[in-house]
Structure formats: structure tokens, C-alpha cells
Amino acid sequence: LLDAGCGTGALAAEVASRGAHVVAIDLSPTLVQLARDRWEDDPMSQRVTGSIEFLSGDMLDAALGHFDHMVAMDSLIHYDLPDLVRALDTLSSRCEQTMAFTFAPHSALLSAMHRVGRWFPRSDRSPSLAPMRQDELHRQLSNTLGTQGWKEGESQRVASGFYTSQAWQWRRACA
């Protein structure tokens, strides 16, 4: 399993504890070291049949190899629509069964919060995310991934307080 944008490694640790062999990668060497330290300090890590290889780098790097499954939780929410489609196209060429990812869904409230955040001092603190419409993302992914045998799977809104994302699974037609 490729955990693309692993952050502190919580997802990688959970699936490794269930027996998965995980490559967990993030751009931030600091987060990767934190994830590695947490995993090594966790007594569970000594009793599992799974494993985690923590790496700092580009989740789109072909040198990472091929995977049965790929997850990108909150690591693609910063991409605009064309870049998100390109990233998933790149990842799909190295994924055999399922891809699960989150994106920032467009909503009037989220757009308003994003605009208001820019009014305050240090406007660079406004969330760096790219809200998008799921129907447009679906159309573009169908035109890109659909021609390669991928089908849309489950989709679910994830919301807690001010946090909102849309989780979406795509799977190979034969998977």
C-alpha cells in the first residue's frame, strides 16, 4: 500500500498493524521522522506482520514502484483540478486495485470561509486548498482514469467542525 502524503503516519500504522506492507511518503522530512519515531516507539510495531517503510520525497515518484492499493488522505486537497487529475493519472499507472483519496469539496460556506480568511493580517495563513466540484472532477477522472479501466467507487463527505473533505475510492474494473 502506498500512503501518499503520510503526515504523522497514523494511517500507515493502522494498516501495518493489520498486516499490510506500507510505503509511507511525505514531502516533510520532519513529519516523516515524527511518524517513524512514533512507529518505532509503539509496542504494537514489534508484534505485527505488516511493515512500514517511511520516506521523505515526492509521492508521484515512479521509483517508489507499483502497489496493490494507494491512499492519499488530505495530500491532494492543495491541488487545483488539472493538477489533481494529472496526479491521480500518474498514481493510477502504478496501482493495481484501489485508490482512495480526499479532496476539498466546493461549497458556498467553504468558499466564503476561504475568502474571509484572506482579509485578516498575514493573508498567507488562509488555507491553501483548492475546493472543487465533484461532478467536474468525476467528469475529468472518468475521461482519464475511465479509459484505463478504473471505475468510481464509494464517496463520502467527512466533516468535523470547520474541517470538510470528500473521500472517494476508485477501483480497477477487474478489482
Protein backbone atom coordinates (compact mmCIF):
# COMPACT_ATOMS: atom_id res chain seq x y z
CA LEU A 1 0.00 0.00 0.00
CA LEU A 2 1.25 3.48 -0.83
CA ASP A 3 0.34 6.07 1.81
CA ALA A 4 0.88 9.17 -0.34
CA GLY A 5 1.28 12.16 1.95
CA CYS A 6 1.53 10.09 5.14
CA GLY A 7 1.92 13.02 7.55
CA THR A 8 2.37 11.66 11.08
CA GLY A 9 1.88 8.08 9.89
CA ALA A 10 -1.40 7.28 11.67
CA LEU A 11 -2.98 5.57 8.66
CA ALA A 12 0.23 3.70 7.81
CA ALA A 13 0.48 2.41 11.40
CA GLU A 14 -3.13 1.27 11.40
CA VAL A 15 -2.92 -0.72 8.17
CA ALA A 16 0.52 -2.14 9.05
CA SER A 17 -0.96 -3.35 12.34
CA ARG A 18 -3.47 -5.27 10.20
CA GLY A 19 -0.72 -6.92 8.16
CA ALA A 20 -0.18 -4.51 5.25
CA HIS A 21 3.24 -3.69 3.86
CA VAL A 22 3.25 0.09 3.53
CA VAL A 23 5.40 2.66 1.80
CA ALA A 24 4.60 5.90 3.65
CA ILE A 25 5.88 9.05 1.96
CA ASP A 26 5.56 12.75 2.69
CA LEU A 27 7.29 15.90 1.45
CA SER A 28 8.07 16.95 5.03
CA PRO A 29 11.16 15.24 6.47
CA THR A 30 10.07 16.48 9.91
CA LEU A 31 6.69 14.74 9.69
CA VAL A 32 8.29 11.57 8.31
CA GLN A 33 10.76 11.48 11.22
CA LEU A 34 7.90 12.04 13.68
CA ALA A 35 5.95 9.19 12.05
CA ARG A 36 9.00 6.90 12.14
CA ASP A 37 9.69 7.72 15.80
CA ARG A 38 6.06 7.12 16.79
CA TRP A 39 6.03 3.78 14.98
CA GLU A 40 9.33 2.63 16.48
CA ASP A 41 8.18 3.67 19.98
CA ASP A 42 4.84 1.87 19.61
CA PRO A 43 4.99 -1.60 21.23
CA MET A 44 2.48 -2.74 18.59
CA SER A 45 5.10 -2.27 15.87
CA GLN A 46 7.08 -5.20 17.27
CA ARG A 47 4.10 -7.58 17.13
CA VAL A 48 2.68 -7.01 13.66
CA THR A 49 3.12 -8.95 10.45
CA GLY A 50 2.96 -5.78 8.37
CA SER A 51 5.72 -3.27 7.84
CA ILE A 52 6.24 0.40 7.09
CA GLU A 53 8.98 1.99 5.02
CA PHE A 54 8.99 5.72 5.80
CA LEU A 55 10.32 8.03 3.09
CA SER A 56 10.57 11.76 2.57
CA GLY A 57 10.02 12.81 -1.03
CA ASP A 58 7.60 13.11 -3.92
CA MET A 59 4.60 10.80 -3.73
CA LEU A 60 4.41 10.84 -7.54
CA ASP A 61 7.95 9.46 -7.99
CA ALA A 62 7.83 6.36 -10.21
CA ALA A 63 10.85 4.96 -8.35
CA LEU A 64 8.52 4.11 -5.46
CA GLY A 65 7.31 1.16 -7.52
CA HIS A 66 3.93 -0.49 -8.01
CA PHE A 67 1.26 -1.04 -5.37
CA ASP A 68 -1.93 -3.00 -4.89
CA HIS A 69 -3.56 -0.05 -3.14
CA MET A 70 -2.94 3.67 -2.77
CA VAL A 71 -4.32 6.22 -0.31
CA ALA A 72 -3.88 9.99 -0.38
CA MET A 73 -5.69 11.42 2.62
CA ASP A 74 -5.63 15.23 2.55
CA SER A 75 -2.46 15.29 0.45
CA LEU A 76 -4.26 16.25 -2.77
CA ILE A 77 -6.56 18.93 -1.34
CA HIS A 78 -3.98 21.57 -2.25
CA TYR A 79 -4.03 20.67 -5.97
CA ASP A 80 -6.18 22.52 -8.47
CA LEU A 81 -8.40 20.39 -10.71
CA PRO A 82 -5.97 19.84 -13.63
CA ASP A 83 -3.08 19.01 -11.27
CA LEU A 84 -5.25 16.67 -9.20
CA VAL A 85 -6.33 14.76 -12.32
CA ARG A 86 -2.70 14.54 -13.51
CA ALA A 87 -1.54 13.32 -10.08
CA LEU A 88 -4.19 10.59 -9.94
CA ASP A 89 -3.39 9.60 -13.52
CA THR A 90 0.27 9.25 -12.55
CA LEU A 91 -0.54 7.25 -9.42
CA SER A 92 -3.07 5.05 -11.22
CA SER A 93 -0.41 3.78 -13.61
CA ARG A 94 1.37 2.22 -10.62
CA CYS A 95 -1.69 0.99 -8.70
CA GLU A 96 -3.31 -2.37 -9.38
CA GLN A 97 -6.55 -2.41 -7.38
CA THR A 98 -7.85 0.61 -5.46
CA MET A 99 -7.09 4.28 -4.96
CA ALA A 100 -8.69 6.27 -2.14
CA PHE A 101 -8.19 10.00 -1.80
CA THR A 102 -9.74 13.12 -0.38
CA PHE A 103 -10.39 16.45 -2.00
CA ALA A 104 -11.86 19.73 -0.79
CA PRO A 105 -15.47 19.83 -2.00
CA HIS A 106 -16.78 23.13 -3.31
CA SER A 107 -19.45 24.70 -1.15
CA ALA A 108 -20.67 28.24 -0.62
CA LEU A 109 -19.65 28.08 3.04
CA LEU A 110 -16.12 26.81 2.34
CA SER A 111 -15.62 29.41 -0.39
CA ALA A 112 -16.82 32.17 1.95
CA MET A 113 -14.55 30.97 4.78
CA HIS A 114 -11.62 30.86 2.37
CA ARG A 115 -12.27 34.44 1.20
CA VAL A 116 -12.80 35.78 4.74
CA GLY A 117 -9.55 34.17 5.87
CA ARG A 118 -7.66 36.32 3.38
CA TRP A 119 -8.98 39.56 4.95
CA PHE A 120 -7.05 39.07 8.15
CA PRO A 121 -3.41 40.07 8.67
CA ARG A 122 -0.95 37.65 7.13
CA SER A 123 -3.27 36.53 4.38
CA ASP A 124 -0.89 33.66 3.65
CA ARG A 125 -2.49 31.90 6.64
CA SER A 126 -5.65 31.31 4.64
CA PRO A 127 -5.98 27.57 3.99
CA SER A 128 -4.02 26.52 0.96
CA LEU A 129 -6.63 24.31 -0.59
CA ALA A 130 -8.45 24.14 -3.88
CA PRO A 131 -12.18 23.47 -3.46
CA MET A 132 -13.68 21.71 -6.47
CA ARG A 133 -17.00 20.45 -7.69
CA GLN A 134 -17.31 16.67 -7.52
CA ASP A 135 -19.29 16.49 -10.77
CA GLU A 136 -16.49 18.22 -12.69
CA LEU A 137 -13.82 16.10 -11.00
CA HIS A 138 -15.89 13.00 -11.84
CA ARG A 139 -16.16 14.02 -15.49
CA GLN A 140 -12.42 14.57 -15.81
CA LEU A 141 -11.45 11.41 -13.91
CA SER A 142 -13.90 9.37 -16.00
CA ASN A 143 -12.28 10.73 -19.15
CA THR A 144 -8.79 9.99 -17.82
CA LEU A 145 -8.97 7.00 -15.47
CA GLY A 146 -12.08 5.51 -17.03
CA THR A 147 -10.23 4.87 -20.28
CA GLN A 148 -7.67 2.85 -18.27
CA GLY A 149 -10.18 0.53 -16.63
CA TRP A 150 -10.88 2.49 -13.44
CA LYS A 151 -14.40 2.84 -12.04
CA GLU A 152 -15.68 5.16 -9.35
CA GLY A 153 -16.39 3.53 -6.02
CA GLU A 154 -17.73 4.82 -2.75
CA SER A 155 -17.71 8.51 -1.90
CA GLN A 156 -18.41 10.04 1.48
CA ARG A 157 -18.31 13.52 2.99
CA VAL A 158 -16.08 13.83 6.05
CA ALA A 159 -16.93 16.80 8.27
CA SER A 160 -15.92 17.78 11.77
CA GLY A 161 -16.13 21.37 12.96
CA PHE A 162 -14.54 23.54 10.30
CA TYR A 163 -12.93 20.54 8.58
CA THR A 164 -14.67 19.23 5.47
CA SER A 165 -13.38 16.92 2.78
CA GLN A 166 -14.80 14.38 0.37
CA ALA A 167 -13.33 10.87 0.48
CA TRP A 168 -13.55 8.95 -2.77
CA GLN A 169 -12.48 5.49 -3.84
CA TRP A 170 -11.74 4.41 -7.41
CA ARG A 171 -11.03 0.80 -8.34
CA ARG A 172 -9.88 -1.12 -11.34
CA ALA A 173 -12.83 -2.68 -13.14
CA CYS A 174 -11.32 -6.13 -12.58
CA ALA A 175 -10.52 -5.47 -8.90
